[in-house]
Amino acid sequence: MLSGWVRQHWGIENKLHHVRDVTYEEDRSQVRTGSAPQVMATLRNTAIGLLRAAGFDNIAEANRHMIRDEARPLRLLQT
């Protein structure tokens, strides 16, 4: 039971880190000093969470969808 929970937890963690690294290129980020890296990670996590809550499974596709209309991200924040 505990091992199943741990596997599920790490699956979620790995999925989030994979999206942050591949879609948002987190490993290439030049933000390295002070609390800025944590702030950027929080912003990325918030964006991912909002997009998933809006029904998107593919975050890269969701980002492309959002940038096609500058009002879409604002509408997403208003929901």
N, C-alpha and C. Protein backbone atom coordinates (compact mmCIF):
# COMPACT_ATOMS: atom_id res chain seq x y z
N MET A 1 0.82 -1.18 0.00
CA MET A 1 0.00 0.00 0.00
C MET A 1 0.87 1.26 0.00
N LEU A 2 1.83 1.32 0.89
CA LEU A 2 2.72 2.47 0.95
C LEU A 2 3.55 2.57 -0.33
N SER A 3 4.01 1.43 -0.81
CA SER A 3 4.83 1.46 -2.03
C SER A 3 4.02 1.96 -3.22
N GLY A 4 2.75 1.62 -3.28
CA GLY A 4 1.89 2.12 -4.36
C GLY A 4 1.72 3.63 -4.28
N TRP A 5 1.55 4.14 -3.07
CA TRP A 5 1.43 5.59 -2.89
C TRP A 5 2.71 6.28 -3.31
N VAL A 6 3.86 5.72 -2.92
CA VAL A 6 5.15 6.32 -3.27
C VAL A 6 5.34 6.34 -4.78
N ARG A 7 5.02 5.24 -5.45
CA ARG A 7 5.14 5.19 -6.91
C ARG A 7 4.23 6.23 -7.57
N GLN A 8 3.01 6.35 -7.07
CA GLN A 8 2.08 7.33 -7.62
C GLN A 8 2.61 8.75 -7.40
N HIS A 9 3.11 9.00 -6.20
CA HIS A 9 3.65 10.33 -5.87
C HIS A 9 4.81 10.67 -6.80
N TRP A 10 5.74 9.74 -6.99
CA TRP A 10 6.89 10.01 -7.84
C TRP A 10 6.48 10.14 -9.30
N GLY A 11 5.44 9.42 -9.70
CA GLY A 11 4.94 9.57 -11.07
C GLY A 11 4.42 10.98 -11.31
N ILE A 12 3.71 11.51 -10.33
CA ILE A 12 3.21 12.89 -10.43
C ILE A 12 4.37 13.86 -10.43
N GLU A 13 5.32 13.68 -9.52
CA GLU A 13 6.48 14.56 -9.45
C GLU A 13 7.27 14.54 -10.76
N ASN A 14 7.52 13.34 -11.28
CA ASN A 14 8.28 13.22 -12.52
C ASN A 14 7.55 13.87 -13.68
N LYS A 15 6.24 13.72 -13.72
CA LYS A 15 5.45 14.32 -14.80
C LYS A 15 5.56 15.84 -14.74
N LEU A 16 5.45 16.40 -13.56
CA LEU A 16 5.54 17.85 -13.40
C LEU A 16 6.93 18.35 -13.78
N HIS A 17 7.97 17.68 -13.30
CA HIS A 17 9.34 18.11 -13.62
C HIS A 17 9.63 17.96 -15.11
N HIS A 18 9.10 16.91 -15.70
CA HIS A 18 9.31 16.71 -17.14
C HIS A 18 8.67 17.85 -17.93
N VAL A 19 7.45 18.22 -17.58
CA VAL A 19 6.78 19.33 -18.28
C VAL A 19 7.54 20.62 -18.07
N ARG A 20 7.96 20.87 -16.83
CA ARG A 20 8.69 22.12 -16.56
C ARG A 20 10.00 22.16 -17.33
N ASP A 21 10.67 21.03 -17.44
CA ASP A 21 11.96 21.03 -18.12
C ASP A 21 11.80 21.05 -19.64
N VAL A 22 10.93 20.21 -20.17
CA VAL A 22 10.81 20.10 -21.62
C VAL A 22 10.03 21.27 -22.21
N THR A 23 8.88 21.60 -21.63
CA THR A 23 8.03 22.65 -22.20
C THR A 23 8.54 24.04 -21.86
N TYR A 24 8.96 24.23 -20.63
CA TYR A 24 9.40 25.57 -20.21
C TYR A 24 10.93 25.69 -20.12
N GLU A 25 11.64 24.65 -20.53
CA GLU A 25 13.11 24.64 -20.56
C GLU A 25 13.72 25.13 -19.25
N GLU A 26 13.21 24.60 -18.15
CA GLU A 26 13.65 25.06 -16.84
C GLU A 26 15.15 24.85 -16.61
N ASP A 27 15.69 23.76 -17.10
CA ASP A 27 17.12 23.49 -16.88
C ASP A 27 18.00 24.51 -17.59
N ARG A 28 17.49 25.16 -18.63
CA ARG A 28 18.27 26.15 -19.37
C ARG A 28 18.09 27.56 -18.83
N SER A 29 17.26 27.70 -17.82
CA SER A 29 16.96 29.03 -17.28
C SER A 29 18.21 29.71 -16.76
N GLN A 30 18.32 31.01 -17.01
CA GLN A 30 19.44 31.81 -16.52
C GLN A 30 19.15 32.41 -15.15
N VAL A 31 17.94 32.17 -14.64
CA VAL A 31 17.54 32.69 -13.33
C VAL A 31 18.16 31.80 -12.26
N ARG A 32 19.14 32.34 -11.52
CA ARG A 32 19.88 31.49 -10.59
C ARG A 32 20.13 32.10 -9.21
N THR A 33 19.78 33.35 -8.99
CA THR A 33 20.16 33.98 -7.73
C THR A 33 18.95 34.34 -6.88
N GLY A 34 19.18 34.37 -5.59
CA GLY A 34 18.15 34.75 -4.64
C GLY A 34 16.95 33.82 -4.69
N SER A 35 15.79 34.39 -4.52
CA SER A 35 14.56 33.59 -4.52
C SER A 35 13.95 33.49 -5.92
N ALA A 36 14.59 34.10 -6.90
CA ALA A 36 14.04 34.11 -8.26
C ALA A 36 13.79 32.71 -8.84
N PRO A 37 14.69 31.73 -8.64
CA PRO A 37 14.40 30.39 -9.18
C PRO A 37 13.13 29.79 -8.58
N GLN A 38 12.91 30.00 -7.29
CA GLN A 38 11.69 29.48 -6.65
C GLN A 38 10.45 30.20 -7.17
N VAL A 39 10.57 31.50 -7.37
CA VAL A 39 9.45 32.28 -7.90
C VAL A 39 9.10 31.79 -9.30
N MET A 40 10.10 31.59 -10.14
CA MET A 40 9.85 31.12 -11.51
C MET A 40 9.24 29.72 -11.51
N ALA A 41 9.73 28.83 -10.63
CA ALA A 41 9.15 27.49 -10.53
C ALA A 41 7.69 27.57 -10.09
N THR A 42 7.40 28.46 -9.17
CA THR A 42 6.02 28.64 -8.71
C THR A 42 5.13 29.15 -9.84
N LEU A 43 5.63 30.10 -10.62
CA LEU A 43 4.86 30.61 -11.76
C LEU A 43 4.62 29.51 -12.80
N ARG A 44 5.65 28.71 -13.06
CA ARG A 44 5.48 27.60 -14.02
C ARG A 44 4.47 26.59 -13.50
N ASN A 45 4.57 26.24 -12.22
CA ASN A 45 3.63 25.29 -11.62
C ASN A 45 2.20 25.83 -11.67
N THR A 46 2.05 27.12 -11.42
CA THR A 46 0.73 27.74 -11.47
C THR A 46 0.16 27.68 -12.88
N ALA A 47 0.99 27.99 -13.87
CA ALA A 47 0.54 27.92 -15.26
C ALA A 47 0.13 26.50 -15.63
N ILE A 48 0.93 25.53 -15.25
CA ILE A 48 0.61 24.13 -15.54
C ILE A 48 -0.70 23.74 -14.86
N GLY A 49 -0.85 24.12 -13.61
CA GLY A 49 -2.07 23.80 -12.87
C GLY A 49 -3.31 24.43 -13.49
N LEU A 50 -3.20 25.69 -13.89
CA LEU A 50 -4.34 26.36 -14.53
C LEU A 50 -4.71 25.70 -15.86
N LEU A 51 -3.70 25.34 -16.63
CA LEU A 51 -3.97 24.70 -17.92
C LEU A 51 -4.58 23.32 -17.73
N ARG A 52 -4.08 22.57 -16.77
CA ARG A 52 -4.66 21.24 -16.50
C ARG A 52 -6.10 21.38 -15.99
N ALA A 53 -6.34 22.36 -15.12
CA ALA A 53 -7.70 22.58 -14.60
C ALA A 53 -8.66 22.99 -15.73
N ALA A 54 -8.12 23.62 -16.76
CA ALA A 54 -8.94 24.02 -17.91
C ALA A 54 -9.18 22.86 -18.87
N GLY A 55 -8.61 21.69 -18.56
CA GLY A 55 -8.86 20.50 -19.36
C GLY A 55 -7.78 20.12 -20.34
N PHE A 56 -6.66 20.82 -20.31
CA PHE A 56 -5.56 20.49 -21.22
C PHE A 56 -4.69 19.38 -20.62
N ASP A 57 -4.40 18.37 -21.42
CA ASP A 57 -3.47 17.31 -21.01
C ASP A 57 -2.07 17.59 -21.51
N ASN A 58 -1.98 18.18 -22.69
CA ASN A 58 -0.69 18.48 -23.31
C ASN A 58 -0.39 19.97 -23.08
N ILE A 59 0.56 20.25 -22.21
CA ILE A 59 0.84 21.64 -21.82
C ILE A 59 1.47 22.42 -22.97
N ALA A 60 2.33 21.80 -23.75
CA ALA A 60 2.92 22.50 -24.90
C ALA A 60 1.84 22.90 -25.89
N GLU A 61 0.92 22.00 -26.16
CA GLU A 61 -0.19 22.31 -27.05
C GLU A 61 -1.07 23.41 -26.45
N ALA A 62 -1.29 23.36 -25.16
CA ALA A 62 -2.09 24.38 -24.48
C ALA A 62 -1.42 25.75 -24.60
N ASN A 63 -0.11 25.80 -24.44
CA ASN A 63 0.61 27.07 -24.59
C ASN A 63 0.44 27.63 -25.99
N ARG A 64 0.57 26.77 -27.00
CA ARG A 64 0.38 27.22 -28.38
C ARG A 64 -1.04 27.73 -28.60
N HIS A 65 -2.00 27.03 -28.02
CA HIS A 65 -3.40 27.44 -28.12
C HIS A 65 -3.60 28.81 -27.47
N MET A 66 -3.00 29.02 -26.32
CA MET A 66 -3.18 30.27 -25.58
C MET A 66 -2.57 31.47 -26.31
N ILE A 67 -1.44 31.28 -26.96
CA ILE A 67 -0.78 32.44 -27.58
C ILE A 67 -1.42 32.86 -28.90
N ARG A 68 -2.32 32.05 -29.43
CA ARG A 68 -2.99 32.42 -30.68
C ARG A 68 -3.94 33.61 -30.50
N ASP A 69 -4.38 33.83 -29.27
CA ASP A 69 -5.30 34.93 -28.98
C ASP A 69 -4.88 35.53 -27.64
N GLU A 70 -4.44 36.76 -27.66
CA GLU A 70 -3.88 37.37 -26.44
C GLU A 70 -4.88 37.47 -25.30
N ALA A 71 -6.17 37.37 -25.57
CA ALA A 71 -7.18 37.44 -24.51
C ALA A 71 -7.40 36.10 -23.82
N ARG A 72 -7.00 35.00 -24.44
CA ARG A 72 -7.25 33.67 -23.85
C ARG A 72 -6.63 33.50 -22.47
N PRO A 73 -5.36 33.84 -22.28
CA PRO A 73 -4.80 33.65 -20.93
C PRO A 73 -5.54 34.48 -19.88
N LEU A 74 -5.97 35.67 -20.25
CA LEU A 74 -6.71 36.50 -19.29
C LEU A 74 -8.06 35.89 -18.96
N ARG A 75 -8.72 35.33 -19.97
CA ARG A 75 -10.01 34.66 -19.71
C ARG A 75 -9.80 33.44 -18.81
N LEU A 76 -8.70 32.74 -19.01
CA LEU A 76 -8.41 31.58 -18.17
C LEU A 76 -8.24 32.00 -16.71
N LEU A 77 -7.57 33.11 -16.49
CA LEU A 77 -7.37 33.60 -15.13
C LEU A 77 -8.68 34.07 -14.49
N GLN A 78 -9.63 34.48 -15.27
CA GLN A 78 -10.90 34.97 -14.74
C GLN A 78 -11.86 33.85 -14.36
N THR A 79 -11.57 32.63 -14.78
CA THR A 79 -12.48 31.52 -14.47
C THR A 79 -12.23 30.95 -13.11
